[in-house]
Each structure stands twice: as structure tokens, then as C-alpha cells.
């Protein structure tokens, strides 16, 4: 059981990193200094799907870490 949780943790960590890097939030040059031209935007289409998928994999990652902490080695 512990070995399976370790694999789930590793895979979900890699996927979370990749999903975060894929997202393009504030990709303009001014956003680096904190001054974005948009006040508020809503996520639509692929951007929303990537966001929801990222949240799901972060939850899987956190739950697998908690499972590793609870289950004795």
C-alpha cells in the first residue's frame, strides 16, 4: 500500500508541476512587475479545464502525502 501511495505522490507531483507551467496567466511583459492591464478575467474553455485539472491533481497530491504520513512504513 505504501509503495502505491509513493508512486501516486510522485506522478501527481510531476503532473502538478507540468500543469502549472502550461497555464498562461498574465503572460504580458507588464505582469512581471505586478501591473496587469486586466482587472478581472474569467477562465473559459481550455484555460478553465487546465485550472480544474490542476486543482484535482493538487488534491490528489495532498491526500497521498497525508496517506503516507498516516500509514506506518
PDB file of N, CA and C in Angstrom:
ATOM      1  N   UNK A   1       0.822  -1.194   0.000  1.00  0.00           N
ATOM      2  CA  UNK A   1       0.000   0.000   0.000  1.00  0.00           C
ATOM      3  C   UNK A   1       0.868   1.261   0.000  1.00  0.00           C
ATOM      4  N   UNK A   2       1.926   1.262   0.805  1.00  0.00           N
ATOM      5  CA  UNK A   2       2.799   2.413   0.889  1.00  0.00           C
ATOM      6  C   UNK A   2       3.518   2.688  -0.421  1.00  0.00           C
ATOM      7  N   UNK A   3       3.904   1.600  -1.120  1.00  0.00           N
ATOM      8  CA  UNK A   3       4.590   1.755  -2.400  1.00  0.00           C
ATOM      9  C   UNK A   3       3.667   2.388  -3.438  1.00  0.00           C
ATOM     10  N   UNK A   4       2.402   2.004  -3.430  1.00  0.00           N
ATOM     11  CA  UNK A   4       1.424   2.573  -4.354  1.00  0.00           C
ATOM     12  C   UNK A   4       1.229   4.060  -4.080  1.00  0.00           C
ATOM     13  N   UNK A   5       1.158   4.428  -2.804  1.00  0.00           N
ATOM     14  CA  UNK A   5       0.996   5.837  -2.456  1.00  0.00           C
ATOM     15  C   UNK A   5       2.218   6.655  -2.860  1.00  0.00           C
ATOM     16  N   UNK A   6       3.402   6.068  -2.766  1.00  0.00           N
ATOM     17  CA  UNK A   6       4.603   6.776  -3.192  1.00  0.00           C
ATOM     18  C   UNK A   6       4.585   7.047  -4.698  1.00  0.00           C
ATOM     19  N   UNK A   7       4.125   6.070  -5.462  1.00  0.00           N
ATOM     20  CA  UNK A   7       4.027   6.250  -6.914  1.00  0.00           C
ATOM     21  C   UNK A   7       2.981   7.300  -7.251  1.00  0.00           C
ATOM     22  N   UNK A   8       1.837   7.254  -6.578  1.00  0.00           N
ATOM     23  CA  UNK A   8       0.783   8.255  -6.796  1.00  0.00           C
ATOM     24  C   UNK A   8       1.295   9.647  -6.448  1.00  0.00           C
ATOM     25  N   UNK A   9       2.048   9.757  -5.360  1.00  0.00           N
ATOM     26  CA  UNK A   9       2.600  11.048  -4.948  1.00  0.00           C
ATOM     27  C   UNK A   9       3.569  11.578  -5.995  1.00  0.00           C
ATOM     28  N   UNK A  10       4.445  10.734  -6.476  1.00  0.00           N
ATOM     29  CA  UNK A  10       5.441  11.150  -7.466  1.00  0.00           C
ATOM     30  C   UNK A  10       4.788  11.575  -8.772  1.00  0.00           C
ATOM     31  N   UNK A  11       3.847  10.777  -9.259  1.00  0.00           N
ATOM     32  CA  UNK A  11       3.183  11.086 -10.528  1.00  0.00           C
ATOM     33  C   UNK A  11       2.358  12.361 -10.407  1.00  0.00           C
ATOM     34  N   UNK A  12       1.619  12.502  -9.311  1.00  0.00           N
ATOM     35  CA  UNK A  12       0.799  13.702  -9.144  1.00  0.00           C
ATOM     36  C   UNK A  12       1.665  14.948  -8.977  1.00  0.00           C
ATOM     37  N   UNK A  13       2.818  14.826  -8.331  1.00  0.00           N
ATOM     38  CA  UNK A  13       3.718  15.981  -8.185  1.00  0.00           C
ATOM     39  C   UNK A  13       4.235  16.438  -9.542  1.00  0.00           C
ATOM     40  N   UNK A  14       4.637  15.502 -10.375  1.00  0.00           N
ATOM     41  CA  UNK A  14       5.135  15.850 -11.707  1.00  0.00           C
ATOM     42  C   UNK A  14       4.020  16.475 -12.544  1.00  0.00           C
ATOM     43  N   UNK A  15       2.812  15.906 -12.465  1.00  0.00           N
ATOM     44  CA  UNK A  15       1.695  16.452 -13.235  1.00  0.00           C
ATOM     45  C   UNK A  15       1.306  17.848 -12.763  1.00  0.00           C
ATOM     46  N   UNK A  16       1.347  18.088 -11.461  1.00  0.00           N
ATOM     47  CA  UNK A  16       1.032  19.423 -10.941  1.00  0.00           C
ATOM     48  C   UNK A  16       2.051  20.435 -11.459  1.00  0.00           C
ATOM     49  N   UNK A  17       3.311  20.083 -11.442  1.00  0.00           N
ATOM     50  CA  UNK A  17       4.350  20.991 -11.948  1.00  0.00           C
ATOM     51  C   UNK A  17       4.113  21.294 -13.426  1.00  0.00           C
ATOM     52  N   UNK A  18       3.842  20.264 -14.215  1.00  0.00           N
ATOM     53  CA  UNK A  18       3.617  20.477 -15.643  1.00  0.00           C
ATOM     54  C   UNK A  18       2.366  21.308 -15.903  1.00  0.00           C
ATOM     55  N   UNK A  19       1.289  21.034 -15.180  1.00  0.00           N
ATOM     56  CA  UNK A  19       0.051  21.780 -15.382  1.00  0.00           C
ATOM     57  C   UNK A  19       0.209  23.245 -14.998  1.00  0.00           C
ATOM     58  N   UNK A  20       0.970  23.512 -13.949  1.00  0.00           N
ATOM     59  CA  UNK A  20       1.199  24.905 -13.554  1.00  0.00           C
ATOM     60  C   UNK A  20       2.035  25.623 -14.606  1.00  0.00           C
ATOM     61  N   UNK A  21       3.022  24.943 -15.154  1.00  0.00           N
ATOM     62  CA  UNK A  21       3.862  25.574 -16.172  1.00  0.00           C
ATOM     63  C   UNK A  21       3.128  25.801 -17.490  1.00  0.00           C
ATOM     64  N   UNK A  22       2.135  24.972 -17.785  1.00  0.00           N
ATOM     65  CA  UNK A  22       1.368  25.118 -19.025  1.00  0.00           C
ATOM     66  C   UNK A  22       0.464  26.343 -18.982  1.00  0.00           C
ATOM     67  N   UNK A  23      -0.056  26.675 -17.813  1.00  0.00           N
ATOM     68  CA  UNK A  23      -1.003  27.775 -17.696  1.00  0.00           C
ATOM     69  C   UNK A  23      -0.331  29.101 -18.022  1.00  0.00           C
ATOM     70  N   UNK A  24      -1.051  29.954 -18.736  1.00  0.00           N
ATOM     71  CA  UNK A  24      -0.535  31.255 -19.138  1.00  0.00           C
ATOM     72  C   UNK A  24      -1.362  32.344 -18.473  1.00  0.00           C
ATOM     73  N   UNK A  25      -1.058  32.623 -17.263  1.00  0.00           N
ATOM     74  CA  UNK A  25      -1.793  33.654 -16.534  1.00  0.00           C
ATOM     75  C   UNK A  25      -0.961  34.921 -16.511  1.00  0.00           C
ATOM     76  N   UNK A  26      -1.445  36.017 -17.096  1.00  0.00           N
ATOM     77  CA  UNK A  26      -0.712  37.269 -17.110  1.00  0.00           C
ATOM     78  C   UNK A  26       0.591  37.156 -17.864  1.00  0.00           C
ATOM     79  N   UNK A  27       0.529  36.716 -19.110  1.00  0.00           N
ATOM     80  CA  UNK A  27       1.741  36.447 -19.881  1.00  0.00           C
ATOM     81  C   UNK A  27       2.362  37.709 -20.474  1.00  0.00           C
ATOM     82  N   UNK A  28       1.765  38.872 -20.241  1.00  0.00           N
ATOM     83  CA  UNK A  28       2.321  40.085 -20.818  1.00  0.00           C
ATOM     84  C   UNK A  28       3.540  40.562 -20.044  1.00  0.00           C
ATOM     85  N   UNK A  29       4.281  41.470 -20.640  1.00  0.00           N
ATOM     86  CA  UNK A  29       5.510  41.957 -20.034  1.00  0.00           C
ATOM     87  C   UNK A  29       5.234  42.759 -18.770  1.00  0.00           C
ATOM     88  N   UNK A  30       4.151  43.501 -18.735  1.00  0.00           N
ATOM     89  CA  UNK A  30       3.817  44.317 -17.569  1.00  0.00           C
ATOM     90  C   UNK A  30       3.376  43.513 -16.375  1.00  0.00           C
ATOM     91  N   UNK A  31       2.973  42.281 -16.577  1.00  0.00           N
ATOM     92  CA  UNK A  31       2.505  41.471 -15.455  1.00  0.00           C
ATOM     93  C   UNK A  31       3.638  41.021 -14.552  1.00  0.00           C
ATOM     94  N   UNK A  32       4.862  41.072 -15.057  1.00  0.00           N
ATOM     95  CA  UNK A  32       6.000  40.686 -14.229  1.00  0.00           C
ATOM     96  C   UNK A  32       6.233  41.649 -13.087  1.00  0.00           C
ATOM     97  N   UNK A  33       5.894  42.907 -13.299  1.00  0.00           N
ATOM     98  CA  UNK A  33       6.070  43.905 -12.244  1.00  0.00           C
ATOM     99  C   UNK A  33       4.804  44.093 -11.428  1.00  0.00           C
ATOM    100  N   UNK A  34       3.770  43.347 -11.744  1.00  0.00           N
ATOM    101  CA  UNK A  34       2.536  43.415 -10.975  1.00  0.00           C
ATOM    102  C   UNK A  34       1.475  44.304 -11.584  1.00  0.00           C
ATOM    103  N   UNK A  35       1.759  44.953 -12.688  1.00  0.00           N
ATOM    104  CA  UNK A  35       0.770  45.840 -13.297  1.00  0.00           C
ATOM    105  C   UNK A  35       0.185  45.174 -14.530  1.00  0.00           C
ATOM    106  N   UNK A  36      -0.892  44.484 -14.334  1.00  0.00           N
ATOM    107  CA  UNK A  36      -1.564  43.828 -15.441  1.00  0.00           C
ATOM    108  C   UNK A  36      -2.644  44.756 -15.989  1.00  0.00           C
ATOM    109  N   UNK A  37      -2.897  44.705 -17.282  1.00  0.00           N
ATOM    110  CA  UNK A  37      -3.883  45.590 -17.886  1.00  0.00           C
ATOM    111  C   UNK A  37      -5.307  45.125 -17.608  1.00  0.00           C
ATOM    112  N   UNK A  38      -5.480  43.896 -17.166  1.00  0.00           N
ATOM    113  CA  UNK A  38      -6.813  43.366 -16.900  1.00  0.00           C
ATOM    114  C   UNK A  38      -7.089  43.404 -15.405  1.00  0.00           C
ATOM    115  N   UNK A  39      -8.260  43.892 -15.054  1.00  0.00           N
ATOM    116  CA  UNK A  39      -8.621  43.903 -13.649  1.00  0.00           C
ATOM    117  C   UNK A  39      -9.148  42.550 -13.215  1.00  0.00           C
ATOM    118  N   UNK A  40     -10.019  41.986 -13.999  1.00  0.00           N
ATOM    119  CA  UNK A  40     -10.614  40.696 -13.648  1.00  0.00           C
ATOM    120  C   UNK A  40     -10.979  39.962 -14.925  1.00  0.00           C
ATOM    121  N   UNK A  41     -10.563  38.736 -15.007  1.00  0.00           N
ATOM    122  CA  UNK A  41     -10.941  37.923 -16.160  1.00  0.00           C
ATOM    123  C   UNK A  41     -11.494  36.604 -15.668  1.00  0.00           C
ATOM    124  N   UNK A  42     -12.390  36.039 -16.436  1.00  0.00           N
ATOM    125  CA  UNK A  42     -12.924  34.729 -16.096  1.00  0.00           C
ATOM    126  C   UNK A  42     -12.245  33.689 -16.970  1.00  0.00           C
ATOM    127  N   UNK A  43     -12.090  32.516 -16.408  1.00  0.00           N
ATOM    128  CA  UNK A  43     -11.479  31.422 -17.171  1.00  0.00           C
ATOM    129  C   UNK A  43     -12.546  30.784 -18.057  1.00  0.00           C
ATOM    130  N   UNK A  44     -12.157  30.507 -19.292  1.00  0.00           N
ATOM    131  CA  UNK A  44     -13.092  29.885 -20.218  1.00  0.00           C
ATOM    132  C   UNK A  44     -12.363  28.826 -21.022  1.00  0.00           C
ATOM    133  N   UNK A  45     -13.093  27.827 -21.424  1.00  0.00           N
ATOM    134  CA  UNK A  45     -12.566  26.815 -22.327  1.00  0.00           C
ATOM    135  C   UNK A  45     -11.420  26.006 -21.758  1.00  0.00           C
ATOM    136  N   UNK A  46     -10.351  25.941 -22.531  1.00  0.00           N
ATOM    137  CA  UNK A  46      -9.192  25.130 -22.171  1.00  0.00           C
ATOM    138  C   UNK A  46      -8.525  25.643 -20.902  1.00  0.00           C
ATOM    139  N   UNK A  47      -8.495  26.961 -20.724  1.00  0.00           N
ATOM    140  CA  UNK A  47      -7.878  27.537 -19.531  1.00  0.00           C
ATOM    141  C   UNK A  47      -8.610  27.087 -18.260  1.00  0.00           C
ATOM    142  N   UNK A  48      -9.932  27.028 -18.319  1.00  0.00           N
ATOM    143  CA  UNK A  48     -10.709  26.582 -17.171  1.00  0.00           C
ATOM    144  C   UNK A  48     -10.485  25.094 -16.910  1.00  0.00           C
ATOM    145  N   UNK A  49     -10.413  24.313 -17.977  1.00  0.00           N
ATOM    146  CA  UNK A  49     -10.168  22.877 -17.822  1.00  0.00           C
ATOM    147  C   UNK A  49      -8.802  22.610 -17.201  1.00  0.00           C
ATOM    148  N   UNK A  50      -7.784  23.363 -17.636  1.00  0.00           N
ATOM    149  CA  UNK A  50      -6.452  23.213 -17.051  1.00  0.00           C
ATOM    150  C   UNK A  50      -6.452  23.589 -15.571  1.00  0.00           C
ATOM    151  N   UNK A  51      -7.169  24.650 -15.230  1.00  0.00           N
ATOM    152  CA  UNK A  51      -7.244  25.085 -13.841  1.00  0.00           C
ATOM    153  C   UNK A  51      -7.904  24.025 -12.969  1.00  0.00           C
ATOM    154  N   UNK A  52      -9.035  23.493 -13.420  1.00  0.00           N
ATOM    155  CA  UNK A  52      -9.748  22.476 -12.648  1.00  0.00           C
ATOM    156  C   UNK A  52      -8.910  21.210 -12.527  1.00  0.00           C
ATOM    157  N   UNK A  53      -8.251  20.812 -13.591  1.00  0.00           N
ATOM    158  CA  UNK A  53      -7.384  19.635 -13.557  1.00  0.00           C
ATOM    159  C   UNK A  53      -6.228  19.838 -12.589  1.00  0.00           C
ATOM    160  N   UNK A  54      -5.671  21.040 -12.566  1.00  0.00           N
ATOM    161  CA  UNK A  54      -4.589  21.344 -11.635  1.00  0.00           C
ATOM    162  C   UNK A  54      -5.064  21.234 -10.196  1.00  0.00           C
ATOM    163  N   UNK A  55      -6.245  21.754  -9.910  1.00  0.00           N
ATOM    164  CA  UNK A  55      -6.796  21.678  -8.555  1.00  0.00           C
ATOM    165  C   UNK A  55      -7.023  20.221  -8.149  1.00  0.00           C
ATOM    166  N   UNK A  56      -7.531  19.409  -9.070  1.00  0.00           N
ATOM    167  CA  UNK A  56      -7.772  17.997  -8.776  1.00  0.00           C
ATOM    168  C   UNK A  56      -6.462  17.285  -8.449  1.00  0.00           C
ATOM    169  N   UNK A  57      -5.430  17.519  -9.250  1.00  0.00           N
ATOM    170  CA  UNK A  57      -4.149  16.846  -9.004  1.00  0.00           C
ATOM    171  C   UNK A  57      -3.451  17.364  -7.747  1.00  0.00           C
ATOM    172  N   UNK A  58      -3.661  18.622  -7.402  1.00  0.00           N
ATOM    173  CA  UNK A  58      -3.124  19.121  -6.134  1.00  0.00           C
ATOM    174  C   UNK A  58      -3.804  18.420  -4.967  1.00  0.00           C
ATOM    175  N   UNK A  59      -5.109  18.216  -5.061  1.00  0.00           N
ATOM    176  CA  UNK A  59      -5.832  17.490  -4.007  1.00  0.00           C
ATOM    177  C   UNK A  59      -5.349  16.044  -3.905  1.00  0.00           C
ATOM    178  N   UNK A  60      -5.146  15.393  -5.048  1.00  0.00           N
ATOM    179  CA  UNK A  60      -4.622  14.028  -5.045  1.00  0.00           C
ATOM    180  C   UNK A  60      -3.244  13.989  -4.404  1.00  0.00           C
ATOM    181  N   UNK A  61      -2.404  14.971  -4.725  1.00  0.00           N
ATOM    182  CA  UNK A  61      -1.059  15.044  -4.164  1.00  0.00           C
ATOM    183  C   UNK A  61      -1.111  15.204  -2.640  1.00  0.00           C
ATOM    184  N   UNK A  62      -1.925  16.129  -2.166  1.00  0.00           N
ATOM    185  CA  UNK A  62      -2.021  16.370  -0.726  1.00  0.00           C
ATOM    186  C   UNK A  62      -2.577  15.150   0.002  1.00  0.00           C
ATOM    187  N   UNK A  63      -3.602  14.523  -0.557  1.00  0.00           N
ATOM    188  CA  UNK A  63      -4.176  13.335   0.082  1.00  0.00           C
ATOM    189  C   UNK A  63      -3.194  12.169   0.092  1.00  0.00           C
ATOM    190  N   UNK A  64      -2.385  12.030  -0.952  1.00  0.00           N
ATOM    191  CA  UNK A  64      -1.414  10.945  -0.959  1.00  0.00           C
ATOM    192  C   UNK A  64      -0.304  11.200   0.065  1.00  0.00           C
ATOM    193  N   UNK A  65       0.087  12.458   0.246  1.00  0.00           N
ATOM    194  CA  UNK A  65       1.069  12.795   1.278  1.00  0.00           C
ATOM    195  C   UNK A  65       0.502  12.486   2.661  1.00  0.00           C
ATOM    196  N   UNK A  66      -0.748  12.869   2.884  1.00  0.00           N
ATOM    197  CA  UNK A  66      -1.374  12.567   4.176  1.00  0.00           C
ATOM    198  C   UNK A  66      -1.495  11.058   4.395  1.00  0.00           C
ATOM    199  N   UNK A  67      -1.785  10.320   3.322  1.00  0.00           N
ATOM    200  CA  UNK A  67      -1.841   8.864   3.429  1.00  0.00           C
ATOM    201  C   UNK A  67      -0.497   8.268   3.786  1.00  0.00           C
ATOM    202  N   UNK A  68       0.560   8.823   3.238  1.00  0.00           N
ATOM    203  CA  UNK A  68       1.899   8.337   3.578  1.00  0.00           C
ATOM    204  C   UNK A  68       2.262   8.654   5.025  1.00  0.00           C
ATOM    205  N   UNK A  69       1.754   9.758   5.533  1.00  0.00           N
ATOM    206  CA  UNK A  69       2.031  10.118   6.926  1.00  0.00           C
ATOM    207  C   UNK A  69       1.256   9.233   7.913  1.00  0.00           C
ATOM    208  N   UNK A  70       0.055   8.841   7.520  1.00  0.00           N
ATOM    209  CA  UNK A  70      -0.805   8.060   8.409  1.00  0.00           C
ATOM    210  C   UNK A  70      -0.409   6.591   8.427  1.00  0.00           C
ATOM    211  N   UNK A  71      -0.118   6.036   7.235  1.00  0.00           N
ATOM    212  CA  UNK A  71       0.219   4.606   7.138  1.00  0.00           C
ATOM    213  C   UNK A  71       1.657   4.401   7.622  1.00  0.00           C
ATOM    214  N   UNK A  72       1.854   3.511   8.582  1.00  0.00           N
ATOM    215  CA  UNK A  72       3.218   3.267   9.065  1.00  0.00           C
ATOM    216  C   UNK A  72       4.068   2.619   7.992  1.00  0.00           C
ATOM    217  N   UNK A  73       5.351   2.936   7.990  1.00  0.00           N
ATOM    218  CA  UNK A  73       6.262   2.438   6.959  1.00  0.00           C
ATOM    219  C   UNK A  73       6.593   0.991   7.117  1.00  0.00           C
TER     220      UNK A  73
END
